[in-house]
């Protein structure tokens, strides 16, 4: 008798789980996953394009309806939109299907930026009114730096080679340029004084000849 009771209890539990899996009118529930990806995620500079991809997966067994996804993570004081939009809607998503949305942005200043999850709201059944909310995966904080001066870096490398690694930085070249300007000014002053002295000497000789 005890074994029969155990079997009946297991069957009852199975029926409860099956009922929980199905919704109104026997409609099966959807199982959604929201995934957010940022490319590239490192070596970000001002003005460099960043692609944001948001993908909705429906692992089934039911369909999802009236999906609305928002990604309010890219404020106008930090980013400019190049293409696409950060919000989108999907009328329905069947079991084992996915929907992918992509947009491109550019950072406009140096910063540390916290990447928050995207948010999705959907209706579970065809005639359902209750909405369900999901959040996407979390991403690490982004660091945006000033755009690299490739030409300047190449000139610095050439300068280090030419000076046998004596001058290594831009500040070093500024000091060297200042010293060079001072030396040129001294040299010009010396040459000018010499020329002026020679002119005075020649003028004195002409005065002696005219006497």
C-alpha atoms as a PDB file:
ATOM      1  CA  UNK A   1       0.000   0.000   0.000  1.00  0.00           C
ATOM      2  CA  UNK A   2       2.796   2.368   0.838  1.00  0.00           C
ATOM      3  CA  UNK A   3       4.416   1.846  -2.575  1.00  0.00           C
ATOM      4  CA  UNK A   4       1.101   2.622  -4.289  1.00  0.00           C
ATOM      5  CA  UNK A   5       0.804   5.826  -2.285  1.00  0.00           C
ATOM      6  CA  UNK A   6       4.325   6.839  -3.361  1.00  0.00           C
ATOM      7  CA  UNK A   7       3.483   6.214  -7.022  1.00  0.00           C
ATOM      8  CA  UNK A   8       0.250   8.212  -6.735  1.00  0.00           C
ATOM      9  CA  UNK A   9       2.103  11.059  -5.067  1.00  0.00           C
ATOM     10  CA  UNK A  10       4.701  11.109  -7.890  1.00  0.00           C
ATOM     11  CA  UNK A  11       1.952  11.168 -10.522  1.00  0.00           C
ATOM     12  CA  UNK A  12       0.217  14.028  -8.745  1.00  0.00           C
ATOM     13  CA  UNK A  13       3.470  15.982  -8.578  1.00  0.00           C
ATOM     14  CA  UNK A  14       4.021  15.387 -12.305  1.00  0.00           C
ATOM     15  CA  UNK A  15       0.546  16.691 -13.074  1.00  0.00           C
ATOM     16  CA  UNK A  16       1.209  19.814 -10.998  1.00  0.00           C
ATOM     17  CA  UNK A  17       4.490  20.497 -12.800  1.00  0.00           C
ATOM     18  CA  UNK A  18       2.822  19.977 -16.182  1.00  0.00           C
ATOM     19  CA  UNK A  19       0.048  22.368 -15.254  1.00  0.00           C
ATOM     20  CA  UNK A  20       2.582  24.942 -14.129  1.00  0.00           C
ATOM     21  CA  UNK A  21       4.353  24.615 -17.468  1.00  0.00           C
ATOM     22  CA  UNK A  22       1.157  25.319 -19.355  1.00  0.00           C
ATOM     23  CA  UNK A  23      -0.754  28.575 -19.217  1.00  0.00           C
ATOM     24  CA  UNK A  24      -4.295  29.535 -19.859  1.00  0.00           C
ATOM     25  CA  UNK A  25      -6.171  27.338 -22.365  1.00  0.00           C
ATOM     26  CA  UNK A  26      -3.300  24.829 -22.245  1.00  0.00           C
ATOM     27  CA  UNK A  27      -0.843  27.258 -23.892  1.00  0.00           C
ATOM     28  CA  UNK A  28       2.812  26.455 -23.136  1.00  0.00           C
ATOM     29  CA  UNK A  29       5.140  28.979 -21.538  1.00  0.00           C
ATOM     30  CA  UNK A  30       8.044  30.646 -23.301  1.00  0.00           C
ATOM     31  CA  UNK A  31      11.545  30.642 -21.813  1.00  0.00           C
ATOM     32  CA  UNK A  32      13.431  33.758 -22.938  1.00  0.00           C
ATOM     33  CA  UNK A  33      17.059  34.785 -22.631  1.00  0.00           C
ATOM     34  CA  UNK A  34      18.328  38.327 -23.291  1.00  0.00           C
ATOM     35  CA  UNK A  35      22.007  38.655 -24.236  1.00  0.00           C
ATOM     36  CA  UNK A  36      23.945  41.915 -24.709  1.00  0.00           C
ATOM     37  CA  UNK A  37      27.360  42.198 -26.381  1.00  0.00           C
ATOM     38  CA  UNK A  38      29.641  45.221 -26.889  1.00  0.00           C
ATOM     39  CA  UNK A  39      32.358  45.094 -29.576  1.00  0.00           C
ATOM     40  CA  UNK A  40      35.108  46.082 -29.036  1.00  0.00           C
ATOM     41  CA  UNK A  41      35.090  46.111 -25.252  1.00  0.00           C
ATOM     42  CA  UNK A  42      38.716  47.226 -24.748  1.00  0.00           C
ATOM     43  CA  UNK A  43      41.102  49.811 -26.276  1.00  0.00           C
ATOM     44  CA  UNK A  44      38.239  52.295 -26.661  1.00  0.00           C
ATOM     45  CA  UNK A  45      39.071  55.826 -27.774  1.00  0.00           C
ATOM     46  CA  UNK A  46      37.083  59.002 -28.397  1.00  0.00           C
ATOM     47  CA  UNK A  47      35.372  58.832 -31.794  1.00  0.00           C
ATOM     48  CA  UNK A  48      35.963  55.089 -32.270  1.00  0.00           C
ATOM     49  CA  UNK A  49      32.821  53.158 -33.268  1.00  0.00           C
ATOM     50  CA  UNK A  50      31.328  50.654 -30.820  1.00  0.00           C
ATOM     51  CA  UNK A  51      28.835  47.993 -31.950  1.00  0.00           C
ATOM     52  CA  UNK A  52      26.155  46.948 -29.461  1.00  0.00           C
ATOM     53  CA  UNK A  53      24.327  43.690 -30.230  1.00  0.00           C
ATOM     54  CA  UNK A  54      21.241  42.583 -28.284  1.00  0.00           C
ATOM     55  CA  UNK A  55      19.885  39.096 -28.934  1.00  0.00           C
ATOM     56  CA  UNK A  56      16.634  37.560 -27.674  1.00  0.00           C
ATOM     57  CA  UNK A  57      16.519  33.761 -27.516  1.00  0.00           C
ATOM     58  CA  UNK A  58      13.328  31.763 -26.992  1.00  0.00           C
ATOM     59  CA  UNK A  59      14.227  28.322 -25.688  1.00  0.00           C
ATOM     60  CA  UNK A  60      10.553  27.339 -25.730  1.00  0.00           C
ATOM     61  CA  UNK A  61       8.370  25.458 -25.599  1.00  0.00           C
ATOM     62  CA  UNK A  62       5.815  28.292 -25.943  1.00  0.00           C
ATOM     63  CA  UNK A  63       5.840  31.580 -27.886  1.00  0.00           C
ATOM     64  CA  UNK A  64       6.318  35.097 -26.500  1.00  0.00           C
ATOM     65  CA  UNK A  65       4.376  38.168 -27.646  1.00  0.00           C
ATOM     66  CA  UNK A  66       4.713  41.970 -27.707  1.00  0.00           C
ATOM     67  CA  UNK A  67       8.389  42.051 -26.803  1.00  0.00           C
ATOM     68  CA  UNK A  68       9.809  45.509 -25.973  1.00  0.00           C
ATOM     69  CA  UNK A  69      13.557  45.885 -25.369  1.00  0.00           C
ATOM     70  CA  UNK A  70      15.203  49.082 -24.062  1.00  0.00           C
ATOM     71  CA  UNK A  71      18.882  49.811 -23.560  1.00  0.00           C
ATOM     72  CA  UNK A  72      19.003  53.301 -22.023  1.00  0.00           C
ATOM     73  CA  UNK A  73      22.712  53.135 -21.318  1.00  0.00           C
ATOM     74  CA  UNK A  74      24.080  55.572 -23.876  1.00  0.00           C
ATOM     75  CA  UNK A  75      23.322  59.170 -22.824  1.00  0.00           C
ATOM     76  CA  UNK A  76      23.857  62.054 -25.267  1.00  0.00           C
ATOM     77  CA  UNK A  77      26.449  63.725 -23.028  1.00  0.00           C
ATOM     78  CA  UNK A  78      28.694  60.660 -23.446  1.00  0.00           C
ATOM     79  CA  UNK A  79      27.819  59.030 -26.790  1.00  0.00           C
ATOM     80  CA  UNK A  80      26.587  59.777 -30.310  1.00  0.00           C
ATOM     81  CA  UNK A  81      24.475  57.307 -32.289  1.00  0.00           C
ATOM     82  CA  UNK A  82      25.967  56.426 -35.682  1.00  0.00           C
ATOM     83  CA  UNK A  83      23.348  53.922 -36.868  1.00  0.00           C
ATOM     84  CA  UNK A  84      20.352  52.057 -35.485  1.00  0.00           C
ATOM     85  CA  UNK A  85      18.516  52.679 -32.238  1.00  0.00           C
ATOM     86  CA  UNK A  86      18.863  51.439 -28.691  1.00  0.00           C
ATOM     87  CA  UNK A  87      15.187  50.388 -28.340  1.00  0.00           C
ATOM     88  CA  UNK A  88      13.217  47.890 -30.428  1.00  0.00           C
ATOM     89  CA  UNK A  89      10.038  45.787 -30.440  1.00  0.00           C
ATOM     90  CA  UNK A  90       9.140  42.295 -31.674  1.00  0.00           C
ATOM     91  CA  UNK A  91       5.520  41.231 -32.252  1.00  0.00           C
ATOM     92  CA  UNK A  92       6.125  37.574 -31.380  1.00  0.00           C
ATOM     93  CA  UNK A  93       8.955  35.095 -31.030  1.00  0.00           C
ATOM     94  CA  UNK A  94       8.277  31.406 -31.530  1.00  0.00           C
ATOM     95  CA  UNK A  95       9.966  28.589 -29.653  1.00  0.00           C
ATOM     96  CA  UNK A  96      13.593  27.888 -30.670  1.00  0.00           C
ATOM     97  CA  UNK A  97      13.770  31.214 -32.534  1.00  0.00           C
ATOM     98  CA  UNK A  98      15.973  34.219 -31.869  1.00  0.00           C
ATOM     99  CA  UNK A  99      15.930  37.915 -32.788  1.00  0.00           C
ATOM    100  CA  UNK A 100      19.080  40.019 -33.092  1.00  0.00           C
ATOM    101  CA  UNK A 101      19.278  43.816 -33.018  1.00  0.00           C
ATOM    102  CA  UNK A 102      22.400  45.910 -33.546  1.00  0.00           C
ATOM    103  CA  UNK A 103      23.271  49.605 -33.318  1.00  0.00           C
ATOM    104  CA  UNK A 104      26.490  51.623 -33.448  1.00  0.00           C
ATOM    105  CA  UNK A 105      27.633  54.438 -31.152  1.00  0.00           C
ATOM    106  CA  UNK A 106      30.722  56.630 -30.677  1.00  0.00           C
ATOM    107  CA  UNK A 107      32.032  57.971 -27.360  1.00  0.00           C
ATOM    108  CA  UNK A 108      32.582  61.750 -27.359  1.00  0.00           C
ATOM    109  CA  UNK A 109      34.752  62.169 -24.257  1.00  0.00           C
ATOM    110  CA  UNK A 110      37.137  60.401 -21.915  1.00  0.00           C
ATOM    111  CA  UNK A 111      35.397  58.458 -19.145  1.00  0.00           C
ATOM    112  CA  UNK A 112      34.811  55.319 -17.151  1.00  0.00           C
ATOM    113  CA  UNK A 113      31.371  54.070 -18.208  1.00  0.00           C
ATOM    114  CA  UNK A 114      29.259  51.540 -16.353  1.00  0.00           C
ATOM    115  CA  UNK A 115      27.500  49.213 -18.824  1.00  0.00           C
ATOM    116  CA  UNK A 116      24.082  48.408 -17.382  1.00  0.00           C
ATOM    117  CA  UNK A 117      21.952  45.419 -18.511  1.00  0.00           C
ATOM    118  CA  UNK A 118      19.318  45.878 -21.212  1.00  0.00           C
ATOM    119  CA  UNK A 119      15.680  45.458 -20.145  1.00  0.00           C
ATOM    120  CA  UNK A 120      12.967  43.391 -21.864  1.00  0.00           C
ATOM    121  CA  UNK A 121       9.214  43.265 -21.252  1.00  0.00           C
ATOM    122  CA  UNK A 122       6.947  40.715 -22.937  1.00  0.00           C
ATOM    123  CA  UNK A 123       3.565  39.028 -22.735  1.00  0.00           C
ATOM    124  CA  UNK A 124       3.586  35.296 -22.193  1.00  0.00           C
ATOM    125  CA  UNK A 125       0.305  34.239 -23.843  1.00  0.00           C
ATOM    126  CA  UNK A 126      -1.658  35.326 -26.904  1.00  0.00           C
ATOM    127  CA  UNK A 127      -4.497  36.866 -24.903  1.00  0.00           C
ATOM    128  CA  UNK A 128      -2.417  37.571 -21.829  1.00  0.00           C
ATOM    129  CA  UNK A 129      -2.309  40.945 -20.121  1.00  0.00           C
ATOM    130  CA  UNK A 130       0.316  40.378 -17.463  1.00  0.00           C
ATOM    131  CA  UNK A 131       3.816  41.388 -18.570  1.00  0.00           C
ATOM    132  CA  UNK A 132       7.069  39.697 -17.594  1.00  0.00           C
ATOM    133  CA  UNK A 133      10.363  41.544 -17.239  1.00  0.00           C
ATOM    134  CA  UNK A 134      13.835  40.198 -17.981  1.00  0.00           C
ATOM    135  CA  UNK A 135      17.293  41.778 -17.739  1.00  0.00           C
ATOM    136  CA  UNK A 136      20.270  40.938 -19.911  1.00  0.00           C
ATOM    137  CA  UNK A 137      23.699  39.809 -18.768  1.00  0.00           C
ATOM    138  CA  UNK A 138      26.059  42.192 -16.960  1.00  0.00           C
ATOM    139  CA  UNK A 139      29.164  43.586 -18.677  1.00  0.00           C
ATOM    140  CA  UNK A 140      32.387  45.048 -17.236  1.00  0.00           C
ATOM    141  CA  UNK A 141      32.955  48.784 -16.959  1.00  0.00           C
ATOM    142  CA  UNK A 142      34.257  50.484 -20.101  1.00  0.00           C
ATOM    143  CA  UNK A 143      37.211  52.873 -20.190  1.00  0.00           C
ATOM    144  CA  UNK A 144      37.381  55.458 -22.987  1.00  0.00           C
ATOM    145  CA  UNK A 145      40.659  57.318 -23.500  1.00  0.00           C
ATOM    146  CA  UNK A 146      41.805  60.113 -25.811  1.00  0.00           C
ATOM    147  CA  UNK A 147      42.545  59.204 -29.413  1.00  0.00           C
ATOM    148  CA  UNK A 148      46.105  58.060 -29.900  1.00  0.00           C
ATOM    149  CA  UNK A 149      48.410  60.310 -31.931  1.00  0.00           C
ATOM    150  CA  UNK A 150      49.987  57.702 -34.208  1.00  0.00           C
ATOM    151  CA  UNK A 151      52.065  60.247 -36.154  1.00  0.00           C
ATOM    152  CA  UNK A 152      53.350  61.795 -32.952  1.00  0.00           C
ATOM    153  CA  UNK A 153      54.284  58.382 -31.542  1.00  0.00           C
ATOM    154  CA  UNK A 154      56.150  57.496 -34.739  1.00  0.00           C
ATOM    155  CA  UNK A 155      58.042  60.814 -34.601  1.00  0.00           C
ATOM    156  CA  UNK A 156      58.962  60.148 -30.968  1.00  0.00           C
ATOM    157  CA  UNK A 157      60.338  56.736 -31.908  1.00  0.00           C
ATOM    158  CA  UNK A 158      62.376  58.291 -34.729  1.00  0.00           C
ATOM    159  CA  UNK A 159      63.616  60.981 -32.343  1.00  0.00           C
ATOM    160  CA  UNK A 160      64.700  58.411 -29.752  1.00  0.00           C
ATOM    161  CA  UNK A 161      66.684  56.589 -32.430  1.00  0.00           C
ATOM    162  CA  UNK A 162      68.256  59.817 -33.722  1.00  0.00           C
ATOM    163  CA  UNK A 163      69.282  60.958 -30.224  1.00  0.00           C
ATOM    164  CA  UNK A 164      70.430  57.506 -29.100  1.00  0.00           C
ATOM    165  CA  UNK A 165      67.502  57.307 -26.647  1.00  0.00           C
ATOM    166  CA  UNK A 166      68.483  60.549 -24.888  1.00  0.00           C
ATOM    167  CA  UNK A 167      65.207  62.344 -25.663  1.00  0.00           C
ATOM    168  CA  UNK A 168      62.224  60.050 -25.014  1.00  0.00           C
ATOM    169  CA  UNK A 169      59.144  62.220 -24.459  1.00  0.00           C
ATOM    170  CA  UNK A 170      57.281  65.185 -25.929  1.00  0.00           C
ATOM    171  CA  UNK A 171      58.332  67.265 -22.916  1.00  0.00           C
ATOM    172  CA  UNK A 172      61.952  66.363 -23.651  1.00  0.00           C
ATOM    173  CA  UNK A 173      61.580  67.594 -27.223  1.00  0.00           C
ATOM    174  CA  UNK A 174      59.970  70.821 -25.977  1.00  0.00           C
ATOM    175  CA  UNK A 175      62.970  71.462 -23.723  1.00  0.00           C
ATOM    176  CA  UNK A 176      65.349  70.600 -26.551  1.00  0.00           C
ATOM    177  CA  UNK A 177      63.476  72.950 -28.902  1.00  0.00           C
ATOM    178  CA  UNK A 178      63.656  75.773 -26.331  1.00  0.00           C
ATOM    179  CA  UNK A 179      67.394  75.257 -25.890  1.00  0.00           C
ATOM    180  CA  UNK A 180      67.833  75.163 -29.673  1.00  0.00           C
ATOM    181  CA  UNK A 181      65.906  78.421 -30.106  1.00  0.00           C
ATOM    182  CA  UNK A 182      68.063  80.062 -27.414  1.00  0.00           C
ATOM    183  CA  UNK A 183      71.257  78.874 -29.129  1.00  0.00           C
ATOM    184  CA  UNK A 184      70.041  80.161 -32.495  1.00  0.00           C
ATOM    185  CA  UNK A 185      69.154  83.520 -30.922  1.00  0.00           C
ATOM    186  CA  UNK A 186      72.623  83.783 -29.356  1.00  0.00           C
ATOM    187  CA  UNK A 187      74.253  82.840 -32.646  1.00  0.00           C
ATOM    188  CA  UNK A 188      72.211  85.431 -34.550  1.00  0.00           C
ATOM    189  CA  UNK A 189      73.106  88.069 -31.973  1.00  0.00           C
ATOM    190  CA  UNK A 190      76.809  87.192 -32.315  1.00  0.00           C
ATOM    191  CA  UNK A 191      76.710  87.272 -36.136  1.00  0.00           C
ATOM    192  CA  UNK A 192      74.731  90.542 -36.127  1.00  0.00           C
ATOM    193  CA  UNK A 193      77.204  92.166 -33.739  1.00  0.00           C
ATOM    194  CA  UNK A 194      80.105  91.036 -35.894  1.00  0.00           C
ATOM    195  CA  UNK A 195      78.499  92.398 -39.076  1.00  0.00           C
ATOM    196  CA  UNK A 196      77.684  95.714 -37.359  1.00  0.00           C
ATOM    197  CA  UNK A 197      81.250  96.003 -36.072  1.00  0.00           C
ATOM    198  CA  UNK A 198      82.622  95.352 -39.578  1.00  0.00           C
ATOM    199  CA  UNK A 199      80.351  97.995 -41.083  1.00  0.00           C
ATOM    200  CA  UNK A 200      81.514 100.541 -38.531  1.00  0.00           C
ATOM    201  CA  UNK A 201      85.118  99.677 -39.329  1.00  0.00           C
ATOM    202  CA  UNK A 202      84.553 100.132 -43.066  1.00  0.00           C
ATOM    203  CA  UNK A 203      82.743 103.419 -42.488  1.00  0.00           C
ATOM    204  CA  UNK A 204      85.642 104.619 -40.381  1.00  0.00           C
ATOM    205  CA  UNK A 205      88.095 103.757 -43.167  1.00  0.00           C
ATOM    206  CA  UNK A 206      85.997 105.671 -45.690  1.00  0.00           C
ATOM    207  CA  UNK A 207      85.957 108.689 -43.389  1.00  0.00           C
ATOM    208  CA  UNK A 208      89.765 108.548 -43.135  1.00  0.00           C
ATOM    209  CA  UNK A 209      90.103 108.406 -46.928  1.00  0.00           C
ATOM    210  CA  UNK A 210      87.817 111.398 -47.389  1.00  0.00           C
ATOM    211  CA  UNK A 211      89.850 113.606 -45.051  1.00  0.00           C
END
